[in-house]
PDB file of all heavy atoms in Angstrom:
ATOM      1  N   HIS A   1      10.900  65.837 160.527  1.00  0.00           N
ATOM      2  CA  HIS A   1       9.823  66.757 160.395  1.00  0.00           C
ATOM      3  C   HIS A   1       9.451  66.908 158.868  1.00  0.00           C
ATOM      4  O   HIS A   1       8.463  67.469 158.465  1.00  0.00           O
ATOM      5  CB  HIS A   1      10.086  68.125 160.895  1.00  0.00           C
ATOM      6  CG  HIS A   1      10.833  69.060 159.999  1.00  0.00           C
ATOM      7  ND1 HIS A   1      12.343  68.935 159.797  1.00  0.00           N
ATOM      8  CD2 HIS A   1      10.503  70.107 159.141  1.00  0.00           C
ATOM      9  CE1 HIS A   1      12.672  69.884 158.951  1.00  0.00           C
ATOM     10  NE2 HIS A   1      11.656  70.565 158.520  1.00  0.00           N
ATOM     11  N   THR A   2      10.257  66.311 157.855  1.00  0.00           N
ATOM     12  CA  THR A   2       9.914  66.308 156.412  1.00  0.00           C
ATOM     13  C   THR A   2       9.144  65.189 155.921  1.00  0.00           C
ATOM     14  O   THR A   2       8.383  65.324 155.099  1.00  0.00           O
ATOM     15  CB  THR A   2      11.256  66.521 155.660  1.00  0.00           C
ATOM     16  OG1 THR A   2      12.144  67.003 156.379  1.00  0.00           O
ATOM     17  CG2 THR A   2      11.004  67.418 154.405  1.00  0.00           C
ATOM     18  N   CYS A   3       9.472  64.031 156.581  1.00  0.00           N
ATOM     19  CA  CYS A   3       8.913  62.734 156.157  1.00  0.00           C
ATOM     20  C   CYS A   3       7.426  62.731 156.504  1.00  0.00           C
ATOM     21  O   CYS A   3       6.995  63.339 157.378  1.00  0.00           O
ATOM     22  CB  CYS A   3       9.533  61.594 156.738  1.00  0.00           C
ATOM     23  SG  CYS A   3      11.214  61.297 156.251  1.00  0.00           S
ATOM     24  N   PRO A   4       6.577  61.953 155.684  1.00  0.00           N
ATOM     25  CA  PRO A   4       5.168  61.751 156.011  1.00  0.00           C
ATOM     26  C   PRO A   4       5.118  61.161 157.325  1.00  0.00           C
ATOM     27  O   PRO A   4       5.905  60.294 157.656  1.00  0.00           O
ATOM     28  CB  PRO A   4       4.588  60.855 154.930  1.00  0.00           C
ATOM     29  CG  PRO A   4       5.566  60.942 153.795  1.00  0.00           C
ATOM     30  CD  PRO A   4       6.980  61.289 154.382  1.00  0.00           C
ATOM     31  N   PRO A   5       4.038  61.589 158.244  1.00  0.00           N
ATOM     32  CA  PRO A   5       3.978  60.998 159.556  1.00  0.00           C
ATOM     33  C   PRO A   5       3.872  59.435 159.676  1.00  0.00           C
ATOM     34  O   PRO A   5       4.274  58.936 160.591  1.00  0.00           O
ATOM     35  CB  PRO A   5       2.699  61.643 160.073  1.00  0.00           C
ATOM     36  CG  PRO A   5       2.546  62.860 159.180  1.00  0.00           C
ATOM     37  CD  PRO A   5       3.051  62.538 157.881  1.00  0.00           C
ATOM     38  N   ARG A   6       3.329  58.886 158.642  1.00  0.00           N
ATOM     39  CA  ARG A   6       3.033  57.361 158.686  1.00  0.00           C
ATOM     40  C   ARG A   6       4.490  56.623 158.569  1.00  0.00           C
ATOM     41  O   ARG A   6       4.510  55.523 159.055  1.00  0.00           O
ATOM     42  CB  ARG A   6       2.196  56.849 157.474  1.00  0.00           C
ATOM     43  CG  ARG A   6       2.736  57.151 156.088  1.00  0.00           C
ATOM     44  CD  ARG A   6       1.794  56.781 155.040  1.00  0.00           C
ATOM     45  NE  ARG A   6       2.191  57.219 153.797  1.00  0.00           N
ATOM     46  CZ  ARG A   6       3.108  56.807 152.920  1.00  0.00           C
ATOM     47  NH1 ARG A   6       3.898  55.775 153.366  1.00  0.00           N
ATOM     48  NH2 ARG A   6       3.463  57.275 151.852  1.00  0.00           N
ATOM     49  N   LEU A   7       5.500  57.263 158.092  1.00  0.00           N
ATOM     50  CA  LEU A   7       6.806  56.583 158.006  1.00  0.00           C
ATOM     51  C   LEU A   7       7.442  56.620 159.357  1.00  0.00           C
ATOM     52  O   LEU A   7       8.162  55.650 159.735  1.00  0.00           O
ATOM     53  CB  LEU A   7       7.702  57.234 157.014  1.00  0.00           C
ATOM     54  CG  LEU A   7       7.233  57.132 155.569  1.00  0.00           C
ATOM     55  CD1 LEU A   7       8.233  57.866 154.613  1.00  0.00           C
ATOM     56  CD2 LEU A   7       7.156  55.663 155.115  1.00  0.00           C
ATOM     57  N   LYS A   8       7.336  57.570 160.238  1.00  0.00           N
ATOM     58  CA  LYS A   8       7.862  57.728 161.585  1.00  0.00           C
ATOM     59  C   LYS A   8       9.370  57.399 161.610  1.00  0.00           C
ATOM     60  O   LYS A   8       9.841  56.769 162.356  1.00  0.00           O
ATOM     61  CB  LYS A   8       7.150  56.821 162.485  1.00  0.00           C
ATOM     62  CG  LYS A   8       5.623  57.115 162.761  1.00  0.00           C
ATOM     63  CD  LYS A   8       5.042  56.226 163.730  1.00  0.00           C
ATOM     64  CE  LYS A   8       3.560  56.603 163.856  1.00  0.00           C
ATOM     65  NZ  LYS A   8       2.850  55.727 164.576  1.00  0.00           N
ATOM     66  N   ARG A   9      10.024  58.049 160.664  1.00  0.00           N
ATOM     67  CA  ARG A   9      11.559  57.959 160.631  1.00  0.00           C
ATOM     68  C   ARG A   9      12.139  58.654 161.775  1.00  0.00           C
ATOM     69  O   ARG A   9      11.828  59.880 161.943  1.00  0.00           O
ATOM     70  CB  ARG A   9      12.071  58.475 159.315  1.00  0.00           C
ATOM     71  CG  ARG A   9      11.784  57.514 158.113  1.00  0.00           C
ATOM     72  CD  ARG A   9      12.648  57.888 156.966  1.00  0.00           C
ATOM     73  NE  ARG A   9      12.282  57.073 155.889  1.00  0.00           N
ATOM     74  CZ  ARG A   9      12.061  57.440 154.598  1.00  0.00           C
ATOM     75  NH1 ARG A   9      12.048  58.810 154.338  1.00  0.00           N
ATOM     76  NH2 ARG A   9      11.751  56.617 153.597  1.00  0.00           N
ATOM     77  N   LYS A  10      13.102  58.060 162.520  1.00  0.00           N
ATOM     78  CA  LYS A  10      13.644  58.661 163.652  1.00  0.00           C
ATOM     79  C   LYS A  10      15.179  59.092 163.270  1.00  0.00           C
ATOM     80  O   LYS A  10      15.728  58.536 162.510  1.00  0.00           O
ATOM     81  CB  LYS A  10      13.743  57.754 164.869  1.00  0.00           C
ATOM     82  CG  LYS A  10      12.412  57.246 165.354  1.00  0.00           C
ATOM     83  CD  LYS A  10      11.705  58.383 166.130  1.00  0.00           C
ATOM     84  CE  LYS A  10      10.443  57.895 166.806  1.00  0.00           C
ATOM     85  NZ  LYS A  10       9.729  58.985 167.449  1.00  0.00           N
ATOM     86  N   THR A  11      15.624  60.198 163.796  1.00  0.00           N
ATOM     87  CA  THR A  11      16.902  60.723 163.606  1.00  0.00           C
ATOM     88  C   THR A  11      17.565  61.439 164.724  1.00  0.00           C
ATOM     89  O   THR A  11      16.754  61.995 165.596  1.00  0.00           O
ATOM     90  CB  THR A  11      16.792  61.600 162.298  1.00  0.00           C
ATOM     91  OG1 THR A  11      18.139  62.095 161.949  1.00  0.00           O
ATOM     92  CG2 THR A  11      15.909  62.823 162.438  1.00  0.00           C
ATOM     93  N   ARG A  12      18.796  61.729 164.653  1.00  0.00           N
ATOM     94  CA  ARG A  12      19.470  62.449 165.618  1.00  0.00           C
ATOM     95  C   ARG A  12      20.042  63.743 164.982  1.00  0.00           C
ATOM     96  O   ARG A  12      20.695  64.619 165.688  1.00  0.00           O
ATOM     97  CB  ARG A  12      20.631  61.722 166.256  1.00  0.00           C
ATOM     98  CG  ARG A  12      20.188  60.816 167.440  1.00  0.00           C
ATOM     99  CD  ARG A  12      21.263  60.504 168.407  1.00  0.00           C
ATOM    100  NE  ARG A  12      20.666  59.736 169.513  1.00  0.00           N
ATOM    101  CZ  ARG A  12      20.975  58.400 169.762  1.00  0.00           C
ATOM    102  NH1 ARG A  12      21.785  57.773 169.007  1.00  0.00           N
ATOM    103  NH2 ARG A  12      20.505  57.836 170.766  1.00  0.00           N
ATOM    104  N   TYR A  13      19.910  63.808 163.667  1.00  0.00           N
ATOM    105  CA  TYR A  13      20.539  64.965 162.935  1.00  0.00           C
ATOM    106  C   TYR A  13      19.613  66.109 162.656  1.00  0.00           C
ATOM    107  O   TYR A  13      18.463  65.918 162.305  1.00  0.00           O
ATOM    108  CB  TYR A  13      20.922  64.444 161.519  1.00  0.00           C
ATOM    109  CG  TYR A  13      21.949  63.305 161.488  1.00  0.00           C
ATOM    110  CD1 TYR A  13      21.493  62.025 161.262  1.00  0.00           C
ATOM    111  CD2 TYR A  13      23.316  63.624 161.779  1.00  0.00           C
ATOM    112  CE1 TYR A  13      22.484  61.007 161.230  1.00  0.00           C
ATOM    113  CE2 TYR A  13      24.155  62.525 161.809  1.00  0.00           C
ATOM    114  CZ  TYR A  13      23.766  61.313 161.477  1.00  0.00           C
ATOM    115  OH  TYR A  13      24.668  60.302 161.528  1.00  0.00           O
ATOM    116  N   PRO A  14      20.087  67.344 163.108  1.00  0.00           N
ATOM    117  CA  PRO A  14      19.292  68.483 162.844  1.00  0.00           C
ATOM    118  C   PRO A  14      19.535  69.214 161.500  1.00  0.00           C
ATOM    119  O   PRO A  14      20.706  69.026 160.887  1.00  0.00           O
ATOM    120  CB  PRO A  14      19.698  69.477 164.078  1.00  0.00           C
ATOM    121  CG  PRO A  14      21.178  69.156 164.206  1.00  0.00           C
ATOM    122  CD  PRO A  14      21.282  67.621 163.810  1.00  0.00           C
ATOM    123  N   CYS A  15      18.695  69.895 160.984  1.00  0.00           N
ATOM    124  CA  CYS A  15      18.970  70.775 159.654  1.00  0.00           C
ATOM    125  C   CYS A  15      19.836  71.863 160.081  1.00  0.00           C
ATOM    126  O   CYS A  15      19.662  72.526 161.148  1.00  0.00           O
ATOM    127  CB  CYS A  15      17.635  71.164 159.186  1.00  0.00           C
ATOM    128  SG  CYS A  15      17.780  72.370 157.792  1.00  0.00           S
ATOM    129  N   CYS A  16      20.814  72.077 159.245  1.00  0.00           N
ATOM    130  CA  CYS A  16      21.723  73.149 159.558  1.00  0.00           C
ATOM    131  C   CYS A  16      21.163  74.623 159.430  1.00  0.00           C
ATOM    132  O   CYS A  16      21.724  75.560 159.969  1.00  0.00           O
ATOM    133  CB  CYS A  16      22.994  73.042 158.718  1.00  0.00           C
ATOM    134  SG  CYS A  16      22.691  73.404 156.992  1.00  0.00           S
ATOM    135  N   ILE A  17      19.952  74.772 158.895  1.00  0.00           N
ATOM    136  CA  ILE A  17      19.377  76.015 158.804  1.00  0.00           C
ATOM    137  C   ILE A  17      18.258  76.276 159.842  1.00  0.00           C
ATOM    138  O   ILE A  17      18.338  77.250 160.626  1.00  0.00           O
ATOM    139  CB  ILE A  17      18.666  76.266 157.381  1.00  0.00           C
ATOM    140  CG1 ILE A  17      19.749  76.006 156.250  1.00  0.00           C
ATOM    141  CG2 ILE A  17      18.039  77.565 157.129  1.00  0.00           C
ATOM    142  CD1 ILE A  17      20.901  77.058 156.170  1.00  0.00           C
ATOM    143  N   CYS A  18      17.225  75.373 159.898  1.00  0.00           N
ATOM    144  CA  CYS A  18      16.189  75.612 160.707  1.00  0.00           C
ATOM    145  C   CYS A  18      16.328  74.858 162.040  1.00  0.00           C
ATOM    146  O   CYS A  18      15.469  74.995 162.990  1.00  0.00           O
ATOM    147  CB  CYS A  18      14.798  75.186 160.071  1.00  0.00           C
ATOM    148  SG  CYS A  18      14.667  73.475 159.658  1.00  0.00           S
ATOM    149  N   ASN A  19      17.250  73.928 162.117  1.00  0.00           N
ATOM    150  CA  ASN A  19      17.621  73.193 163.373  1.00  0.00           C
ATOM    151  C   ASN A  19      16.482  72.131 163.712  1.00  0.00           C
ATOM    152  O   ASN A  19      16.386  71.765 164.901  1.00  0.00           O
ATOM    153  CB  ASN A  19      17.846  74.162 164.569  1.00  0.00           C
ATOM    154  CG  ASN A  19      18.778  73.465 165.627  1.00  0.00           C
ATOM    155  OD1 ASN A  19      19.490  72.580 165.381  1.00  0.00           O
ATOM    156  ND2 ASN A  19      18.588  73.980 166.891  1.00  0.00           N
ATOM    157  N   LYS A  20      15.593  71.832 162.821  1.00  0.00           N
ATOM    158  CA  LYS A  20      14.647  70.786 163.055  1.00  0.00           C
ATOM    159  C   LYS A  20      15.227  69.346 162.721  1.00  0.00           C
ATOM    160  O   LYS A  20      16.183  69.279 161.819  1.00  0.00           O
ATOM    161  CB  LYS A  20      13.441  71.091 162.165  1.00  0.00           C
ATOM    162  CG  LYS A  20      12.739  72.314 162.647  1.00  0.00           C
ATOM    163  CD  LYS A  20      11.407  72.606 161.889  1.00  0.00           C
ATOM    164  CE  LYS A  20      10.668  73.863 162.528  1.00  0.00           C
ATOM    165  NZ  LYS A  20       9.616  74.286 161.711  1.00  0.00           N
ATOM    166  N   PRO A  21      14.732  68.341 163.334  1.00  0.00           N
ATOM    167  CA  PRO A  21      15.235  67.007 162.980  1.00  0.00           C
ATOM    168  C   PRO A  21      14.879  66.598 161.544  1.00  0.00           C
ATOM    169  O   PRO A  21      13.778  66.782 161.052  1.00  0.00           O
ATOM    170  CB  PRO A  21      14.369  66.080 163.983  1.00  0.00           C
ATOM    171  CG  PRO A  21      13.236  66.793 164.430  1.00  0.00           C
ATOM    172  CD  PRO A  21      13.576  68.240 164.309  1.00  0.00           C
ATOM    173  N   ILE A  22      15.932  66.056 160.970  1.00  0.00           N
ATOM    174  CA  ILE A  22      15.754  65.621 159.511  1.00  0.00           C
ATOM    175  C   ILE A  22      16.502  64.246 159.320  1.00  0.00           C
ATOM    176  O   ILE A  22      17.644  64.175 159.744  1.00  0.00           O
ATOM    177  CB  ILE A  22      16.327  66.758 158.572  1.00  0.00           C
ATOM    178  CG1 ILE A  22      16.062  66.321 157.131  1.00  0.00           C
ATOM    179  CG2 ILE A  22      17.818  67.062 158.741  1.00  0.00           C
ATOM    180  CD1 ILE A  22      16.103  67.499 156.166  1.00  0.00           C
ATOM    181  N   CYS A  23      15.913  63.354 158.686  1.00  0.00           N
ATOM    182  CA  CYS A  23      16.512  61.982 158.428  1.00  0.00           C
ATOM    183  C   CYS A  23      17.423  62.089 157.263  1.00  0.00           C
ATOM    184  O   CYS A  23      17.494  63.025 156.445  1.00  0.00           O
ATOM    185  CB  CYS A  23      15.509  60.942 158.229  1.00  0.00           C
ATOM    186  SG  CYS A  23      14.536  61.147 156.746  1.00  0.00           S
ATOM    187  N   LEU A  24      18.350  61.088 157.107  1.00  0.00           N
ATOM    188  CA  LEU A  24      19.330  61.175 155.984  1.00  0.00           C
ATOM    189  C   LEU A  24      18.601  60.976 154.613  1.00  0.00           C
ATOM    190  O   LEU A  24      19.288  61.314 153.642  1.00  0.00           O
ATOM    191  CB  LEU A  24      20.289  60.072 156.147  1.00  0.00           C
ATOM    192  CG  LEU A  24      21.140  60.380 157.494  1.00  0.00           C
ATOM    193  CD1 LEU A  24      22.215  59.193 157.691  1.00  0.00           C
ATOM    194  CD2 LEU A  24      21.963  61.620 157.420  1.00  0.00           C
ATOM    195  N   GLN A  25      17.403  60.432 154.633  1.00  0.00           N
ATOM    196  CA  GLN A  25      16.666  60.272 153.294  1.00  0.00           C
ATOM    197  C   GLN A  25      16.204  61.691 152.739  1.00  0.00           C
ATOM    198  O   GLN A  25      16.091  61.938 151.634  1.00  0.00           O
ATOM    199  CB  GLN A  25      15.564  59.435 153.357  1.00  0.00           C
ATOM    200  CG  GLN A  25      15.912  57.821 153.242  1.00  0.00           C
ATOM    201  CD  GLN A  25      16.317  57.279 154.650  1.00  0.00           C
ATOM    202  OE1 GLN A  25      16.226  58.060 155.618  1.00  0.00           O
ATOM    203  NE2 GLN A  25      16.553  55.963 154.703  1.00  0.00           N
ATOM    204  N   CYS A  26      15.916  62.570 153.666  1.00  0.00           N
ATOM    205  CA  CYS A  26      15.419  63.942 153.340  1.00  0.00           C
ATOM    206  C   CYS A  26      16.580  64.872 153.144  1.00  0.00           C
ATOM    207  O   CYS A  26      16.357  66.021 152.762  1.00  0.00           O
ATOM    208  CB  CYS A  26      14.459  64.403 154.384  1.00  0.00           C
ATOM    209  SG  CYS A  26      12.959  63.300 154.508  1.00  0.00           S
ATOM    210  N   ALA A  27      17.815  64.547 153.623  1.00  0.00           N
ATOM    211  CA  ALA A  27      18.888  65.493 153.618  1.00  0.00           C
ATOM    212  C   ALA A  27      19.582  65.456 152.310  1.00  0.00           C
ATOM    213  O   ALA A  27      19.560  64.480 151.609  1.00  0.00           O
ATOM    214  CB  ALA A  27      19.805  65.260 154.728  1.00  0.00           C
ATOM    215  N   LYS A  28      20.305  66.496 151.994  1.00  0.00           N
ATOM    216  CA  LYS A  28      21.169  66.527 150.827  1.00  0.00           C
ATOM    217  C   LYS A  28      22.615  66.639 151.245  1.00  0.00           C
ATOM    218  O   LYS A  28      22.945  67.297 152.165  1.00  0.00           O
ATOM    219  CB  LYS A  28      20.913  67.775 149.931  1.00  0.00           C
ATOM    220  CG  LYS A  28      19.613  67.731 149.150  1.00  0.00           C
ATOM    221  CD  LYS A  28      19.424  68.676 148.102  1.00  0.00           C
ATOM    222  CE  LYS A  28      18.169  68.513 147.372  1.00  0.00           C
ATOM    223  NZ  LYS A  28      18.011  69.493 146.257  1.00  0.00           N
ATOM    224  N   LYS A  29      23.494  65.924 150.460  1.00  0.00           N
ATOM    225  CA  LYS A  29      24.857  65.914 150.871  1.00  0.00           C
ATOM    226  C   LYS A  29      25.603  67.225 150.552  1.00  0.00           C
ATOM    227  O   LYS A  29      25.267  67.822 149.534  1.00  0.00           O
ATOM    228  CB  LYS A  29      25.626  64.755 150.074  1.00  0.00           C
ATOM    229  CG  LYS A  29      25.073  63.340 150.483  1.00  0.00           C
ATOM    230  CD  LYS A  29      25.717  62.300 149.627  1.00  0.00           C
ATOM    231  CE  LYS A  29      25.196  60.963 150.046  1.00  0.00           C
ATOM    232  NZ  LYS A  29      25.618  59.906 149.167  1.00  0.00           N
ATOM    233  N   LEU A  30      26.406  67.707 151.434  1.00  0.00           N
ATOM    234  CA  LEU A  30      27.072  68.952 151.229  1.00  0.00           C
ATOM    235  C   LEU A  30      28.445  68.743 151.919  1.00  0.00           C
ATOM    236  O   LEU A  30      28.614  68.343 152.979  1.00  0.00           O
ATOM    237  CB  LEU A  30      26.305  69.993 152.110  1.00  0.00           C
ATOM    238  CG  LEU A  30      26.758  71.444 151.986  1.00  0.00           C
ATOM    239  CD1 LEU A  30      26.434  71.998 150.553  1.00  0.00           C
ATOM    240  CD2 LEU A  30      26.127  72.293 152.980  1.00  0.00           C
ATOM    241  N   CYS A  31      29.450  69.058 151.019  1.00  0.00           N
ATOM    242  CA  CYS A  31      30.824  68.879 151.558  1.00  0.00           C
ATOM    243  C   CYS A  31      31.182  70.116 152.522  1.00  0.00           C
ATOM    244  O   CYS A  31      30.538  71.075 152.539  1.00  0.00           O
ATOM    245  CB  CYS A  31      31.814  68.891 150.315  1.00  0.00           C
ATOM    246  SG  CYS A  31      32.167  70.470 149.578  1.00  0.00           S
ATOM    247  N   VAL A  32      32.273  69.873 153.341  1.00  0.00           N
ATOM    248  CA  VAL A  32      32.736  70.779 154.312  1.00  0.00           C
ATOM    249  C   VAL A  32      33.024  72.197 153.739  1.00  0.00           C
ATOM    250  O   VAL A  32      32.682  73.200 154.234  1.00  0.00           O
ATOM    251  CB  VAL A  32      33.934  70.192 155.140  1.00  0.00           C
ATOM    252  CG1 VAL A  32      34.401  71.191 156.174  1.00  0.00           C
ATOM    253  CG2 VAL A  32      33.496  68.888 155.746  1.00  0.00           C
ATOM    254  N   LYS A  33      33.715  72.147 152.509  1.00  0.00           N
ATOM    255  CA  LYS A  33      34.111  73.372 151.878  1.00  0.00           C
ATOM    256  C   LYS A  33      32.873  74.218 151.468  1.00  0.00           C
ATOM    257  O   LYS A  33      32.812  75.487 151.782  1.00  0.00           O
ATOM    258  CB  LYS A  33      34.875  73.000 150.640  1.00  0.00           C
ATOM    259  CG  LYS A  33      35.457  74.270 149.965  1.00  0.00           C
ATOM    260  CD  LYS A  33      36.306  73.820 148.715  1.00  0.00           C
ATOM    261  CE  LYS A  33      36.879  75.105 147.972  1.00  0.00           C
ATOM    262  NZ  LYS A  33      35.792  75.946 147.462  1.00  0.00           N
ATOM    263  N   CYS A  34      31.804  73.571 150.893  1.00  0.00           N
ATOM    264  CA  CYS A  34      30.611  74.349 150.514  1.00  0.00           C
ATOM    265  C   CYS A  34      29.848  74.845 151.710  1.00  0.00           C
ATOM    266  O   CYS A  34      29.321  76.002 151.658  1.00  0.00           O
ATOM    267  CB  CYS A  34      29.670  73.418 149.735  1.00  0.00           C
ATOM    268  SG  CYS A  34      30.466  72.906 148.099  1.00  0.00           S
ATOM    269  N   LYS A  35      29.850  74.003 152.790  1.00  0.00           N
ATOM    270  CA  LYS A  35      29.247  74.565 154.029  1.00  0.00           C
ATOM    271  C   LYS A  35      29.893  75.756 154.629  1.00  0.00           C
ATOM    272  O   LYS A  35      29.372  76.727 155.004  1.00  0.00           O
ATOM    273  CB  LYS A  35      29.141  73.419 155.001  1.00  0.00           C
ATOM    274  CG  LYS A  35      28.280  73.749 156.274  1.00  0.00           C
ATOM    275  CD  LYS A  35      28.170  72.670 157.260  1.00  0.00           C
ATOM    276  CE  LYS A  35      27.306  72.914 158.442  1.00  0.00           C
ATOM    277  NZ  LYS A  35      27.538  74.242 159.089  1.00  0.00           N
ATOM    278  N   ALA A  36      31.239  75.618 154.602  1.00  0.00           N
ATOM    279  CA  ALA A  36      32.055  76.825 155.108  1.00  0.00           C
ATOM    280  C   ALA A  36      31.845  78.084 154.162  1.00  0.00           C
ATOM    281  O   ALA A  36      31.744  79.253 154.630  1.00  0.00           O
ATOM    282  CB  ALA A  36      33.597  76.470 155.046  1.00  0.00           C
ATOM    283  N   ASP A  37      31.736  77.797 152.843  1.00  0.00           N
ATOM    284  CA  ASP A  37      31.446  78.990 151.931  1.00  0.00           C
ATOM    285  C   ASP A  37      30.046  79.534 152.093  1.00  0.00           C
ATOM    286  O   ASP A  37      29.831  80.870 152.170  1.00  0.00           O
ATOM    287  CB  ASP A  37      31.460  78.560 150.507  1.00  0.00           C
ATOM    288  CG  ASP A  37      32.938  78.238 149.999  1.00  0.00           C
ATOM    289  OD1 ASP A  37      33.890  78.553 150.756  1.00  0.00           O
ATOM    290  OD2 ASP A  37      33.127  77.523 148.972  1.00  0.00           O
ATOM    291  N   ARG A  38      29.075  78.705 152.565  1.00  0.00           N
ATOM    292  CA  ARG A  38      27.808  79.222 152.829  1.00  0.00           C
ATOM    293  C   ARG A  38      27.809  79.973 154.158  1.00  0.00           C
ATOM    294  O   ARG A  38      27.015  80.996 154.225  1.00  0.00           O
ATOM    295  CB  ARG A  38      26.827  78.035 152.834  1.00  0.00           C
ATOM    296  CG  ARG A  38      25.368  78.487 153.126  1.00  0.00           C
ATOM    297  CD  ARG A  38      24.393  77.355 153.025  1.00  0.00           C
ATOM    298  NE  ARG A  38      23.116  77.866 153.304  1.00  0.00           N
ATOM    299  CZ  ARG A  38      22.024  77.753 152.587  1.00  0.00           C
ATOM    300  NH1 ARG A  38      22.001  77.121 151.560  1.00  0.00           N
ATOM    301  NH2 ARG A  38      20.800  78.193 153.041  1.00  0.00           N
ATOM    302  N   ASP A  39      28.487  79.434 155.098  1.00  0.00           N
ATOM    303  CA  ASP A  39      28.542  80.205 156.406  1.00  0.00           C
ATOM    304  C   ASP A  39      29.386  81.464 156.347  1.00  0.00           C
ATOM    305  O   ASP A  39      29.014  82.398 156.846  1.00  0.00           O
ATOM    306  CB  ASP A  39      29.143  79.224 157.433  1.00  0.00           C
ATOM    307  CG  ASP A  39      28.121  78.043 157.774  1.00  0.00           C
ATOM    308  OD1 ASP A  39      27.067  78.101 157.465  1.00  0.00           O
ATOM    309  OD2 ASP A  39      28.745  77.015 158.379  1.00  0.00           O
TER     310      ASP A  39
END
């Protein structure tokens, strides 16, 4: 849902906040410890 429509990148990964599909190019890396701290 973040990439321009012309790229049509497919993914199986959801965003951990809004639960919308997001490809790995649009995602930011987050370690397990930081995710646990955020949760």
